[in-house]
Amino acid sequence: MPIDKWTREQTIVVFNLYCKIPFNRVSSAHPDIVRIAKIIGRSANSVKMKIGNFGSFDPELKKRGIVGLENTSKLDENIWNEFNNNWEKLAYESELLIAKFSKKTIEETAHIEATDLPKGKVREAIIKARVNQYFFRSAILSSYNQKCCITGLGIAELLVASHIIPWAKDEKNVGFDEIRNNW
């Protein structure tokens, strides 16, 4: 029986996971890997392997002597190149795809309480901002192995990803890309 090729959409969703799960915690038994595998129609092991493929492109892993898998595809590389320096695009697009695969709204899959939101473009902007904030928090926690980078506190529910300079007062208005590049 032939194996279905990975689609662009499936690969984007797995790249979302790559950003949220510390590389040393990736396993086919990880609950998020199991959940995503089920909704995109893949095995948990194949999702784990795809995450390993992304690891082979990551210069931060290479600096630590960690290499990903060698059997990457051109699609893996294209997704890495498209989204690695555009986290805001990745955050929203990948969460939309997770909602689509789940047959739910993005508000449901991103855990956004939408009953008090206005209608129209303002609602859309608020939802996009909240989705991006949720993704950003998950990515930051992953990069610090689910611990506070200052105190070492490992209780995720007590951790808040904050800006040293509030966005309203930051003349450069630092976004995901610059923050990630300065970790």
N, C-alpha and C. Protein backbone atom coordinates (compact mmCIF):
# COMPACT_ATOMS: atom_id res chain seq x y z
N MET A 1 0.85 -1.18 0.00
CA MET A 1 0.00 0.00 0.00
C MET A 1 0.90 1.24 0.00
N PRO A 2 0.69 2.16 -0.96
CA PRO A 2 1.53 3.36 -1.01
C PRO A 2 1.24 4.30 0.15
N ILE A 3 2.28 4.98 0.59
CA ILE A 3 2.15 5.95 1.68
C ILE A 3 1.81 7.30 1.09
N ASP A 4 0.81 7.95 1.66
CA ASP A 4 0.43 9.28 1.19
C ASP A 4 1.55 10.27 1.47
N LYS A 5 1.81 11.13 0.49
CA LYS A 5 2.80 12.18 0.70
C LYS A 5 2.25 13.21 1.69
N TRP A 6 3.16 13.82 2.41
CA TRP A 6 2.79 14.89 3.32
C TRP A 6 2.28 16.08 2.51
N THR A 7 1.22 16.70 3.00
CA THR A 7 0.71 17.91 2.36
C THR A 7 1.36 19.13 3.00
N ARG A 8 1.27 20.24 2.31
CA ARG A 8 1.76 21.51 2.85
C ARG A 8 1.06 21.82 4.17
N GLU A 9 -0.26 21.62 4.21
CA GLU A 9 -1.03 21.94 5.41
C GLU A 9 -0.61 21.07 6.59
N GLN A 10 -0.45 19.78 6.38
CA GLN A 10 0.00 18.89 7.46
C GLN A 10 1.37 19.32 7.97
N THR A 11 2.25 19.67 7.05
CA THR A 11 3.62 20.04 7.41
C THR A 11 3.64 21.34 8.21
N ILE A 12 2.80 22.29 7.85
CA ILE A 12 2.71 23.55 8.61
C ILE A 12 2.23 23.28 10.03
N VAL A 13 1.23 22.41 10.17
CA VAL A 13 0.71 22.08 11.50
C VAL A 13 1.81 21.43 12.35
N VAL A 14 2.60 20.55 11.76
CA VAL A 14 3.68 19.91 12.52
C VAL A 14 4.78 20.92 12.87
N PHE A 15 5.03 21.88 11.99
CA PHE A 15 6.02 22.92 12.33
C PHE A 15 5.53 23.74 13.52
N ASN A 16 4.23 23.94 13.63
CA ASN A 16 3.65 24.58 14.81
C ASN A 16 4.07 23.81 16.06
N LEU A 17 3.94 22.49 16.02
CA LEU A 17 4.36 21.66 17.16
C LEU A 17 5.85 21.76 17.42
N TYR A 18 6.64 21.78 16.35
CA TYR A 18 8.09 21.90 16.50
C TYR A 18 8.44 23.13 17.35
N CYS A 19 7.70 24.19 17.16
CA CYS A 19 7.96 25.43 17.89
C CYS A 19 7.47 25.38 19.33
N LYS A 20 6.56 24.49 19.64
CA LYS A 20 5.93 24.45 20.96
C LYS A 20 6.45 23.35 21.89
N ILE A 21 7.09 22.35 21.34
CA ILE A 21 7.55 21.23 22.17
C ILE A 21 9.08 21.27 22.23
N PRO A 22 9.65 21.29 23.44
CA PRO A 22 11.12 21.23 23.54
C PRO A 22 11.63 19.98 22.81
N PHE A 23 12.69 20.14 22.05
CA PHE A 23 13.20 19.05 21.21
C PHE A 23 13.51 17.80 22.03
N ASN A 24 13.98 17.98 23.25
CA ASN A 24 14.32 16.82 24.08
C ASN A 24 13.09 16.12 24.66
N ARG A 25 11.90 16.68 24.44
CA ARG A 25 10.67 16.04 24.93
C ARG A 25 9.82 15.45 23.81
N VAL A 26 10.33 15.49 22.60
CA VAL A 26 9.59 14.96 21.45
C VAL A 26 9.59 13.44 21.52
N SER A 27 8.40 12.86 21.53
CA SER A 27 8.25 11.41 21.48
C SER A 27 6.88 11.10 20.88
N SER A 28 6.74 9.90 20.37
CA SER A 28 5.46 9.52 19.77
C SER A 28 4.37 9.36 20.82
N ALA A 29 4.73 9.39 22.10
CA ALA A 29 3.74 9.32 23.17
C ALA A 29 3.36 10.70 23.72
N HIS A 30 4.02 11.76 23.26
CA HIS A 30 3.71 13.11 23.75
C HIS A 30 2.25 13.42 23.41
N PRO A 31 1.46 13.88 24.39
CA PRO A 31 0.03 14.09 24.15
C PRO A 31 -0.29 15.03 22.98
N ASP A 32 0.50 16.08 22.80
CA ASP A 32 0.23 17.00 21.69
C ASP A 32 0.55 16.35 20.35
N ILE A 33 1.58 15.54 20.31
CA ILE A 33 1.92 14.82 19.07
C ILE A 33 0.83 13.81 18.74
N VAL A 34 0.34 13.09 19.74
CA VAL A 34 -0.74 12.13 19.53
C VAL A 34 -2.00 12.84 19.03
N ARG A 35 -2.33 13.97 19.65
CA ARG A 35 -3.54 14.73 19.28
C ARG A 35 -3.44 15.25 17.84
N ILE A 36 -2.31 15.88 17.50
CA ILE A 36 -2.15 16.44 16.16
C ILE A 36 -2.10 15.32 15.12
N ALA A 37 -1.42 14.23 15.42
CA ALA A 37 -1.36 13.10 14.49
C ALA A 37 -2.77 12.62 14.14
N LYS A 38 -3.59 12.53 15.14
CA LYS A 38 -4.96 12.05 14.92
C LYS A 38 -5.74 13.01 14.02
N ILE A 39 -5.63 14.31 14.27
CA ILE A 39 -6.45 15.24 13.47
C ILE A 39 -5.94 15.42 12.05
N ILE A 40 -4.64 15.21 11.81
CA ILE A 40 -4.13 15.37 10.44
C ILE A 40 -4.04 14.04 9.69
N GLY A 41 -4.45 12.95 10.35
CA GLY A 41 -4.48 11.65 9.67
C GLY A 41 -3.12 11.00 9.49
N ARG A 42 -2.25 11.19 10.45
CA ARG A 42 -0.90 10.60 10.42
C ARG A 42 -0.67 9.82 11.70
N SER A 43 0.33 8.98 11.71
CA SER A 43 0.69 8.28 12.94
C SER A 43 1.50 9.23 13.83
N ALA A 44 1.46 8.97 15.12
CA ALA A 44 2.24 9.79 16.05
C ALA A 44 3.73 9.66 15.74
N ASN A 45 4.17 8.49 15.33
CA ASN A 45 5.58 8.31 14.99
C ASN A 45 5.98 9.13 13.77
N SER A 46 5.11 9.22 12.78
CA SER A 46 5.45 10.02 11.59
C SER A 46 5.50 11.51 11.93
N VAL A 47 4.64 11.96 12.84
CA VAL A 47 4.70 13.36 13.28
C VAL A 47 6.00 13.61 14.04
N LYS A 48 6.36 12.67 14.90
CA LYS A 48 7.63 12.79 15.63
C LYS A 48 8.81 12.87 14.66
N MET A 49 8.80 12.05 13.63
CA MET A 49 9.88 12.06 12.64
C MET A 49 9.91 13.38 11.87
N LYS A 50 8.74 13.92 11.54
CA LYS A 50 8.68 15.20 10.82
C LYS A 50 9.26 16.30 11.69
N ILE A 51 8.99 16.27 12.99
CA ILE A 51 9.60 17.24 13.91
C ILE A 51 11.12 17.09 13.89
N GLY A 52 11.59 15.85 13.86
CA GLY A 52 13.03 15.59 13.75
C GLY A 52 13.61 16.15 12.47
N ASN A 53 12.84 16.10 11.39
CA ASN A 53 13.29 16.70 10.13
C ASN A 53 13.51 18.20 10.30
N PHE A 54 12.57 18.88 10.95
CA PHE A 54 12.74 20.32 11.17
C PHE A 54 13.96 20.61 12.03
N GLY A 55 14.25 19.72 12.97
CA GLY A 55 15.42 19.89 13.82
C GLY A 55 16.72 19.94 13.03
N SER A 56 16.74 19.29 11.88
CA SER A 56 17.97 19.29 11.07
C SER A 56 18.27 20.66 10.45
N PHE A 57 17.27 21.54 10.39
CA PHE A 57 17.48 22.88 9.83
C PHE A 57 17.81 23.91 10.90
N ASP A 58 17.63 23.57 12.16
CA ASP A 58 17.69 24.55 13.25
C ASP A 58 19.13 24.86 13.67
N PRO A 59 19.60 26.09 13.41
CA PRO A 59 20.97 26.44 13.77
C PRO A 59 21.20 26.46 15.29
N GLU A 60 20.15 26.72 16.06
CA GLU A 60 20.30 26.72 17.52
C GLU A 60 20.57 25.32 18.04
N LEU A 61 19.93 24.33 17.47
CA LEU A 61 20.22 22.94 17.86
C LEU A 61 21.63 22.56 17.46
N LYS A 62 22.04 22.97 16.27
CA LYS A 62 23.40 22.65 15.80
C LYS A 62 24.46 23.25 16.71
N LYS A 63 24.21 24.46 17.22
CA LYS A 63 25.16 25.09 18.15
C LYS A 63 25.35 24.25 19.40
N ARG A 64 24.32 23.50 19.78
CA ARG A 64 24.39 22.65 20.97
C ARG A 64 24.81 21.23 20.64
N GLY A 65 25.21 21.00 19.38
CA GLY A 65 25.66 19.68 18.98
C GLY A 65 24.53 18.69 18.72
N ILE A 66 23.32 19.20 18.56
CA ILE A 66 22.16 18.35 18.32
C ILE A 66 21.82 18.42 16.84
N VAL A 67 21.67 17.27 16.23
CA VAL A 67 21.28 17.25 14.82
C VAL A 67 19.92 16.58 14.71
N GLY A 68 19.15 17.04 13.78
CA GLY A 68 17.86 16.41 13.52
C GLY A 68 18.04 15.21 12.61
N LEU A 69 16.96 14.81 12.00
CA LEU A 69 17.01 13.67 11.09
C LEU A 69 17.56 14.09 9.73
N GLU A 70 18.06 13.13 8.99
CA GLU A 70 18.71 13.43 7.72
C GLU A 70 17.78 13.30 6.51
N ASN A 71 16.67 12.61 6.65
CA ASN A 71 15.82 12.32 5.51
C ASN A 71 14.73 13.38 5.34
N THR A 72 15.16 14.63 5.18
CA THR A 72 14.20 15.72 5.03
C THR A 72 13.71 15.79 3.59
N SER A 73 12.59 16.47 3.42
CA SER A 73 12.05 16.66 2.07
C SER A 73 12.21 18.12 1.67
N LYS A 74 12.02 18.37 0.40
CA LYS A 74 12.04 19.75 -0.10
C LYS A 74 10.91 20.54 0.55
N LEU A 75 9.77 19.90 0.77
CA LEU A 75 8.64 20.56 1.43
C LEU A 75 9.02 20.98 2.85
N ASP A 76 9.70 20.11 3.59
CA ASP A 76 10.15 20.46 4.94
C ASP A 76 11.02 21.72 4.90
N GLU A 77 11.96 21.73 3.98
CA GLU A 77 12.87 22.87 3.86
C GLU A 77 12.12 24.14 3.45
N ASN A 78 11.17 24.00 2.52
CA ASN A 78 10.39 25.17 2.10
C ASN A 78 9.57 25.75 3.24
N ILE A 79 8.94 24.88 4.03
CA ILE A 79 8.15 25.35 5.18
C ILE A 79 9.07 26.01 6.20
N TRP A 80 10.22 25.40 6.48
CA TRP A 80 11.19 26.01 7.40
C TRP A 80 11.58 27.41 6.92
N ASN A 81 11.94 27.52 5.65
CA ASN A 81 12.38 28.81 5.10
C ASN A 81 11.27 29.85 5.08
N GLU A 82 10.05 29.41 4.84
CA GLU A 82 8.93 30.35 4.78
C GLU A 82 8.55 30.88 6.16
N PHE A 83 8.54 30.01 7.16
CA PHE A 83 7.98 30.39 8.45
C PHE A 83 9.00 30.64 9.55
N ASN A 84 10.22 30.15 9.44
CA ASN A 84 11.16 30.30 10.54
C ASN A 84 11.44 31.75 10.88
N ASN A 85 11.41 32.63 9.92
CA ASN A 85 11.62 34.06 10.20
C ASN A 85 10.33 34.86 10.12
N ASN A 86 9.21 34.18 10.19
CA ASN A 86 7.92 34.86 10.16
C ASN A 86 6.96 34.14 11.11
N TRP A 87 7.23 34.27 12.39
CA TRP A 87 6.46 33.55 13.39
C TRP A 87 5.02 34.02 13.47
N GLU A 88 4.77 35.29 13.23
CA GLU A 88 3.39 35.77 13.29
C GLU A 88 2.54 35.09 12.22
N LYS A 89 3.09 34.96 11.02
CA LYS A 89 2.37 34.27 9.95
C LYS A 89 2.17 32.80 10.31
N LEU A 90 3.22 32.16 10.81
CA LEU A 90 3.12 30.75 11.20
C LEU A 90 2.06 30.56 12.28
N ALA A 91 2.09 31.41 13.29
CA ALA A 91 1.17 31.26 14.42
C ALA A 91 -0.27 31.22 13.93
N TYR A 92 -0.66 32.22 13.19
CA TYR A 92 -2.06 32.32 12.79
C TYR A 92 -2.42 31.27 11.74
N GLU A 93 -1.58 31.13 10.71
CA GLU A 93 -1.90 30.18 9.65
C GLU A 93 -1.97 28.75 10.17
N SER A 94 -1.03 28.38 11.02
CA SER A 94 -1.02 27.00 11.54
C SER A 94 -2.19 26.75 12.47
N GLU A 95 -2.55 27.73 13.28
CA GLU A 95 -3.70 27.55 14.17
C GLU A 95 -5.01 27.48 13.37
N LEU A 96 -5.10 28.24 12.28
CA LEU A 96 -6.27 28.12 11.39
C LEU A 96 -6.36 26.71 10.81
N LEU A 97 -5.21 26.17 10.42
CA LEU A 97 -5.19 24.81 9.86
C LEU A 97 -5.57 23.77 10.91
N ILE A 98 -5.12 23.95 12.13
CA ILE A 98 -5.50 23.02 13.21
C ILE A 98 -7.01 23.05 13.39
N ALA A 99 -7.60 24.24 13.36
CA ALA A 99 -9.06 24.36 13.47
C ALA A 99 -9.74 23.65 12.30
N LYS A 100 -9.21 23.86 11.09
CA LYS A 100 -9.80 23.24 9.89
C LYS A 100 -9.73 21.72 9.99
N PHE A 101 -8.56 21.17 10.33
CA PHE A 101 -8.42 19.72 10.46
C PHE A 101 -9.32 19.17 11.57
N SER A 102 -9.52 19.96 12.63
CA SER A 102 -10.34 19.53 13.77
C SER A 102 -11.83 19.70 13.51
N LYS A 103 -12.17 20.39 12.42
CA LYS A 103 -13.56 20.72 12.10
C LYS A 103 -14.19 21.55 13.22
N LYS A 104 -13.40 22.51 13.71
CA LYS A 104 -13.86 23.43 14.76
C LYS A 104 -13.49 24.85 14.35
N THR A 105 -13.96 25.80 15.11
CA THR A 105 -13.56 27.19 14.86
C THR A 105 -12.21 27.44 15.52
N ILE A 106 -11.53 28.46 15.05
CA ILE A 106 -10.24 28.80 15.64
C ILE A 106 -10.42 29.24 17.10
N GLU A 107 -11.56 29.84 17.39
CA GLU A 107 -11.83 30.23 18.78
C GLU A 107 -11.84 29.00 19.69
N GLU A 108 -12.42 27.90 19.20
CA GLU A 108 -12.47 26.67 19.99
C GLU A 108 -11.09 26.04 20.16
N THR A 109 -10.36 25.90 19.06
CA THR A 109 -9.08 25.20 19.13
C THR A 109 -8.00 26.03 19.82
N ALA A 110 -8.11 27.35 19.77
CA ALA A 110 -7.12 28.22 20.43
C ALA A 110 -7.59 28.67 21.81
N HIS A 111 -8.72 28.12 22.26
CA HIS A 111 -9.25 28.39 23.61
C HIS A 111 -9.49 29.89 23.84
N ILE A 112 -10.19 30.51 22.88
CA ILE A 112 -10.51 31.94 22.98
C ILE A 112 -11.98 32.07 23.34
N GLU A 113 -12.26 32.77 24.43
CA GLU A 113 -13.63 33.06 24.82
C GLU A 113 -14.14 34.16 23.90
N ALA A 114 -15.02 33.80 22.97
CA ALA A 114 -15.42 34.73 21.92
C ALA A 114 -16.78 35.37 22.14
N THR A 115 -17.45 35.04 23.23
CA THR A 115 -18.80 35.57 23.42
C THR A 115 -18.83 37.08 23.62
N ASP A 116 -17.77 37.64 24.16
CA ASP A 116 -17.76 39.08 24.44
C ASP A 116 -17.05 39.89 23.35
N LEU A 117 -16.69 39.25 22.25
CA LEU A 117 -15.96 39.95 21.20
C LEU A 117 -16.92 40.65 20.24
N PRO A 118 -16.52 41.83 19.75
CA PRO A 118 -17.36 42.53 18.77
C PRO A 118 -17.36 41.77 17.44
N LYS A 119 -18.22 42.20 16.54
CA LYS A 119 -18.32 41.57 15.22
C LYS A 119 -17.37 42.23 14.24
N GLY A 120 -17.18 41.58 13.11
CA GLY A 120 -16.46 42.18 11.99
C GLY A 120 -14.94 42.16 12.13
N LYS A 121 -14.32 43.18 11.53
CA LYS A 121 -12.85 43.25 11.44
C LYS A 121 -12.20 43.39 12.81
N VAL A 122 -12.85 44.08 13.74
CA VAL A 122 -12.29 44.23 15.09
C VAL A 122 -12.21 42.86 15.76
N ARG A 123 -13.26 42.07 15.61
CA ARG A 123 -13.28 40.71 16.17
C ARG A 123 -12.13 39.89 15.58
N GLU A 124 -12.00 39.95 14.25
CA GLU A 124 -10.94 39.21 13.57
C GLU A 124 -9.55 39.62 14.06
N ALA A 125 -9.34 40.91 14.25
CA ALA A 125 -8.04 41.40 14.72
C ALA A 125 -7.76 40.93 16.15
N ILE A 126 -8.78 40.94 17.00
CA ILE A 126 -8.61 40.49 18.39
C ILE A 126 -8.29 39.00 18.42
N ILE A 127 -9.02 38.21 17.64
CA ILE A 127 -8.78 36.77 17.60
C ILE A 127 -7.37 36.48 17.10
N LYS A 128 -6.95 37.17 16.04
CA LYS A 128 -5.60 36.96 15.51
C LYS A 128 -4.55 37.30 16.56
N ALA A 129 -4.75 38.41 17.28
CA ALA A 129 -3.79 38.81 18.32
C ALA A 129 -3.74 37.76 19.43
N ARG A 130 -4.89 37.25 19.85
CA ARG A 130 -4.91 36.24 20.93
C ARG A 130 -4.28 34.92 20.48
N VAL A 131 -4.54 34.53 19.25
CA VAL A 131 -3.93 33.30 18.71
C VAL A 131 -2.42 33.46 18.69
N ASN A 132 -1.94 34.59 18.22
CA ASN A 132 -0.50 34.84 18.16
C ASN A 132 0.11 34.89 19.56
N GLN A 133 -0.59 35.48 20.52
CA GLN A 133 -0.09 35.53 21.90
C GLN A 133 0.02 34.12 22.48
N TYR A 134 -0.98 33.29 22.23
CA TYR A 134 -0.98 31.92 22.73
C TYR A 134 0.20 31.14 22.13
N PHE A 135 0.39 31.28 20.82
CA PHE A 135 1.50 30.61 20.14
C PHE A 135 2.83 31.10 20.70
N PHE A 136 2.97 32.42 20.82
CA PHE A 136 4.20 33.02 21.32
C PHE A 136 4.54 32.49 22.71
N ARG A 137 3.55 32.45 23.60
CA ARG A 137 3.76 31.94 24.96
C ARG A 137 4.25 30.50 24.92
N SER A 138 3.60 29.68 24.10
CA SER A 138 3.99 28.27 23.99
C SER A 138 5.41 28.12 23.45
N ALA A 139 5.76 28.94 22.46
CA ALA A 139 7.11 28.87 21.87
C ALA A 139 8.17 29.31 22.87
N ILE A 140 7.88 30.37 23.62
CA ILE A 140 8.83 30.84 24.64
C ILE A 140 9.03 29.78 25.71
N LEU A 141 7.93 29.21 26.21
CA LEU A 141 8.05 28.16 27.22
C LEU A 141 8.86 26.98 26.69
N SER A 142 8.63 26.62 25.45
CA SER A 142 9.39 25.52 24.85
C SER A 142 10.87 25.83 24.79
N SER A 143 11.21 27.05 24.39
CA SER A 143 12.62 27.39 24.23
C SER A 143 13.37 27.38 25.56
N TYR A 144 12.65 27.57 26.65
CA TYR A 144 13.28 27.53 27.98
C TYR A 144 12.91 26.26 28.74
N ASN A 145 12.52 25.21 27.98
CA ASN A 145 12.23 23.90 28.56
C ASN A 145 11.16 23.97 29.64
N GLN A 146 10.14 24.78 29.39
CA GLN A 146 8.98 24.92 30.27
C GLN A 146 9.34 25.50 31.64
N LYS A 147 10.40 26.32 31.69
CA LYS A 147 10.83 26.94 32.95
C LYS A 147 11.06 28.43 32.76
N CYS A 148 10.97 29.16 33.85
CA CYS A 148 11.29 30.58 33.84
C CYS A 148 12.79 30.74 33.60
N CYS A 149 13.15 31.60 32.66
CA CYS A 149 14.58 31.76 32.33
C CYS A 149 15.34 32.51 33.42
N ILE A 150 14.64 33.15 34.34
CA ILE A 150 15.30 33.91 35.40
C ILE A 150 15.35 33.11 36.70
N THR A 151 14.21 32.54 37.11
CA THR A 151 14.14 31.86 38.40
C THR A 151 14.27 30.35 38.32
N GLY A 152 14.02 29.78 37.15
CA GLY A 152 14.03 28.33 37.01
C GLY A 152 12.72 27.68 37.41
N LEU A 153 11.71 28.47 37.78
CA LEU A 153 10.41 27.96 38.17
C LEU A 153 9.84 27.13 37.03
N GLY A 154 9.37 25.93 37.34
CA GLY A 154 8.89 25.03 36.31
C GLY A 154 7.39 24.78 36.33
N ILE A 155 6.62 25.65 36.95
CA ILE A 155 5.17 25.49 36.97
C ILE A 155 4.59 26.38 35.87
N ALA A 156 4.28 25.77 34.72
CA ALA A 156 3.89 26.52 33.53
C ALA A 156 2.70 27.45 33.78
N GLU A 157 1.77 27.03 34.62
CA GLU A 157 0.58 27.84 34.88
C GLU A 157 0.93 29.17 35.56
N LEU A 158 2.07 29.23 36.21
CA LEU A 158 2.48 30.45 36.90
C LEU A 158 3.39 31.34 36.06
N LEU A 159 3.76 30.87 34.88
CA LEU A 159 4.68 31.63 34.04
C LEU A 159 3.92 32.51 33.07
N VAL A 160 4.43 33.71 32.88
CA VAL A 160 3.84 34.67 31.95
C VAL A 160 4.95 35.15 31.03
N ALA A 161 4.73 35.05 29.72
CA ALA A 161 5.70 35.59 28.76
C ALA A 161 5.42 37.08 28.63
N SER A 162 6.36 37.90 29.05
CA SER A 162 6.17 39.34 29.04
C SER A 162 7.30 40.03 28.29
N HIS A 163 7.03 41.24 27.93
CA HIS A 163 8.05 42.07 27.29
C HIS A 163 8.75 42.90 28.36
N ILE A 164 10.03 43.06 28.23
CA ILE A 164 10.77 43.91 29.16
C ILE A 164 10.32 45.35 28.97
N ILE A 165 10.13 45.74 27.72
CA ILE A 165 9.60 47.06 27.39
C ILE A 165 8.21 46.85 26.82
N PRO A 166 7.17 47.47 27.40
CA PRO A 166 5.83 47.30 26.85
C PRO A 166 5.78 47.72 25.38
N TRP A 167 4.99 47.00 24.58
CA TRP A 167 4.91 47.31 23.16
C TRP A 167 4.53 48.76 22.91
N ALA A 168 3.64 49.30 23.73
CA ALA A 168 3.19 50.69 23.54
C ALA A 168 4.32 51.69 23.70
N LYS A 169 5.36 51.32 24.46
CA LYS A 169 6.47 52.24 24.70
C LYS A 169 7.72 51.88 23.91
N ASP A 170 7.66 50.82 23.14
CA ASP A 170 8.81 50.36 22.39
C ASP A 170 8.79 50.97 20.99
N GLU A 171 9.73 51.86 20.73
CA GLU A 171 9.77 52.54 19.44
C GLU A 171 9.98 51.56 18.29
N LYS A 172 10.73 50.50 18.53
CA LYS A 172 10.97 49.51 17.48
C LYS A 172 9.81 48.53 17.35
N ASN A 173 8.95 48.46 18.37
CA ASN A 173 7.81 47.54 18.39
C ASN A 173 8.26 46.13 18.04
N VAL A 174 9.12 45.59 18.88
CA VAL A 174 9.72 44.28 18.66
C VAL A 174 8.65 43.20 18.53
N GLY A 175 8.76 42.39 17.50
CA GLY A 175 7.82 41.30 17.26
C GLY A 175 8.45 39.95 17.55
N PHE A 176 7.78 38.88 17.13
CA PHE A 176 8.24 37.53 17.39
C PHE A 176 9.65 37.29 16.86
N ASP A 177 9.90 37.73 15.63
CA ASP A 177 11.17 37.41 14.99
C ASP A 177 12.36 37.93 15.76
N GLU A 178 12.31 39.19 16.14
CA GLU A 178 13.45 39.78 16.83
C GLU A 178 13.64 39.19 18.22
N ILE A 179 12.54 38.93 18.90
CA ILE A 179 12.63 38.32 20.23
C ILE A 179 13.25 36.93 20.11
N ARG A 180 12.78 36.13 19.15
CA ARG A 180 13.31 34.78 18.98
C ARG A 180 14.79 34.81 18.63
N ASN A 181 15.20 35.75 17.80
CA ASN A 181 16.60 35.81 17.39
C ASN A 181 17.52 36.29 18.50
N ASN A 182 16.98 36.80 19.58
CA ASN A 182 17.80 37.27 20.68
C ASN A 182 17.76 36.35 21.90
N TRP A 183 17.22 35.14 21.79
CA TRP A 183 17.17 34.22 22.92
C TRP A 183 18.54 33.80 23.30
